[in-house]
Protein backbone atom coordinates (compact mmCIF):
# COMPACT_ATOMS: atom_id res chain seq x y z
CA MET A 1 0.00 0.00 0.00
CA ILE A 2 1.27 3.44 -0.90
CA ASP A 3 1.81 5.85 1.98
CA GLN A 4 -0.15 8.97 0.96
CA ASP A 5 1.91 11.23 3.23
CA ILE A 6 5.15 10.22 1.48
CA LEU A 7 3.44 10.73 -1.87
CA LYS A 8 2.29 14.22 -0.89
CA ARG A 9 5.70 15.20 0.48
CA ALA A 10 7.50 14.04 -2.66
CA TYR A 11 5.00 15.91 -4.81
CA ALA A 12 5.54 19.06 -2.75
CA VAL A 13 9.32 18.77 -3.17
CA LEU A 14 8.96 18.32 -6.93
CA VAL A 15 6.64 21.32 -7.30
CA ALA A 16 8.94 23.48 -5.15
CA LEU A 17 11.95 22.34 -7.15
CA LYS A 18 10.26 23.28 -10.42
CA GLU A 19 9.20 26.69 -9.12
CA ASN A 20 12.62 27.52 -7.66
CA LEU A 21 15.11 26.41 -10.30
CA PRO A 22 17.37 29.26 -11.40
CA PRO A 23 15.14 30.96 -13.99
CA LYS A 24 17.43 32.10 -16.77
CA SER A 25 20.19 29.55 -16.60
CA PHE A 26 20.86 27.20 -19.50
CA HIS A 27 22.62 24.74 -17.18
CA ILE A 28 21.42 23.64 -13.74
CA HIS A 29 23.81 22.59 -10.98
CA GLU A 30 23.91 18.94 -10.01
CA LYS A 31 22.58 19.69 -6.50
CA TYR A 32 19.12 20.18 -8.03
CA VAL A 33 19.36 16.81 -9.78
CA GLN A 34 20.30 15.24 -6.45
CA GLU A 35 17.23 16.77 -4.79
CA TYR A 36 15.06 15.56 -7.68
CA HIS A 37 16.49 12.04 -7.44
CA ALA A 38 15.97 12.02 -3.65
CA ALA A 39 12.25 12.68 -4.17
CA ILE A 40 12.12 9.91 -6.75
CA GLY A 41 13.94 7.62 -4.31
CA ASP A 42 11.28 8.25 -1.66
CA LEU A 43 8.61 7.32 -4.17
CA GLU A 44 10.44 4.22 -5.35
CA LYS A 45 10.46 2.97 -1.75
CA GLN A 46 6.68 2.85 -2.20
CA ARG A 47 7.21 0.31 -4.99
CA LEU A 48 6.69 2.77 -7.82
CA ASP A 49 8.78 2.22 -10.94
CA LEU A 50 10.01 5.69 -11.92
CA LYS A 51 13.26 4.88 -13.75
CA GLN A 52 12.17 6.64 -16.91
CA PHE A 53 11.86 9.94 -15.04
CA LYS A 54 15.44 9.95 -13.71
CA ILE A 55 18.23 12.05 -15.15
CA PRO A 56 20.80 9.68 -16.70
CA GLU A 57 24.32 10.05 -15.38
CA SER A 58 25.47 10.73 -18.95
CA GLU A 59 23.44 13.98 -18.97
CA ILE A 60 25.25 15.42 -15.94
CA GLU A 61 28.53 16.88 -17.15
CA ARG A 62 31.32 19.23 -16.22
CA ARG A 63 31.18 22.54 -18.08
CA LEU A 64 33.93 23.97 -20.20
CA ALA A 65 35.67 26.58 -18.04
CA SER A 66 38.30 27.78 -20.51
CA TYR A 67 39.80 26.93 -23.85
CA ASN A 68 43.22 27.96 -25.17
CA GLY A 69 43.02 28.25 -28.96
CA MET A 70 46.81 28.29 -29.29
CA SER A 71 47.45 25.04 -27.43
CA GLY A 72 44.05 23.44 -27.89
CA GLU A 73 43.94 22.86 -24.13
CA SER A 74 40.57 22.84 -22.37
CA THR A 75 39.80 23.05 -18.68
CA TYR A 76 36.52 22.00 -17.12
CA SER A 77 34.63 22.98 -13.97
CA ASP A 78 34.79 20.79 -10.88
CA ASP A 79 31.02 20.99 -10.52
CA ARG A 80 28.66 19.15 -12.83
CA TYR A 81 25.55 20.45 -14.56
CA VAL A 82 22.55 19.29 -16.56
CA GLU A 83 20.74 21.16 -19.32
CA ARG A 84 17.83 23.04 -17.80
CA ALA A 85 15.47 21.97 -20.61
CA PHE A 86 16.32 18.30 -20.06
CA LEU A 87 15.70 18.47 -16.30
CA MET A 88 12.47 20.41 -16.84
CA THR A 89 11.25 17.83 -19.36
CA LYS A 90 11.76 14.98 -16.88
CA LEU A 91 10.31 16.99 -13.99
CA ASP A 92 7.22 18.03 -15.97
CA ALA A 93 6.70 14.45 -17.11
CA LEU A 94 6.82 13.18 -13.53
CA LEU A 95 4.43 15.88 -12.31
CA SER A 96 2.05 15.01 -15.18
CA TYR A 97 2.25 11.36 -14.16
CA PHE A 98 1.28 12.41 -10.62
CA SER A 99 -1.66 14.44 -11.90
CA LEU A 100 -2.94 11.59 -14.06
CA SER A 101 -2.55 9.11 -11.21
CA MET A 102 -4.39 11.37 -8.77
CA ASP A 103 -7.24 11.96 -11.25
CA GLU A 104 -7.75 8.20 -11.48
CA ARG A 105 -8.11 7.98 -7.68
CA LYS A 106 -10.68 10.75 -7.29
CA PRO A 107 -14.13 9.43 -6.54
CA ARG A 108 -16.65 10.10 -9.29
CA ILE A 109 -19.70 11.98 -8.02
CA GLY A 110 -22.73 12.83 -10.10
CA PHE A 111 -24.66 11.34 -12.94
CA SER A 112 -23.01 8.88 -15.26
CA GLN A 113 -22.96 9.66 -18.97
CA GLY A 114 -23.67 6.15 -20.17
CA ARG A 115 -25.36 3.03 -19.00
């Protein structure tokens, strides 16, 4: 049985994460991905299969910090980032999944359309 409190808390974290991501940044720091994955982890403990909503490790990369055109040498940041659009796509998909799942659980009240 799914614990509704855990479900609600994870949903709240996901909504807050979406609303508070840095607004005009093309890349989002890995700490936001970690928070997102922590919420997914809480949900997966409820026996939900949410693998398709996770950010693959291959999408979290170090950013180019500098490039020397003369030597061809590149240096990269210590921190890792994900494309904002990619994270938002996964986050929106998961929130949509939540909405669809919750709509299915709402009791139907009123007259039925068909017999």
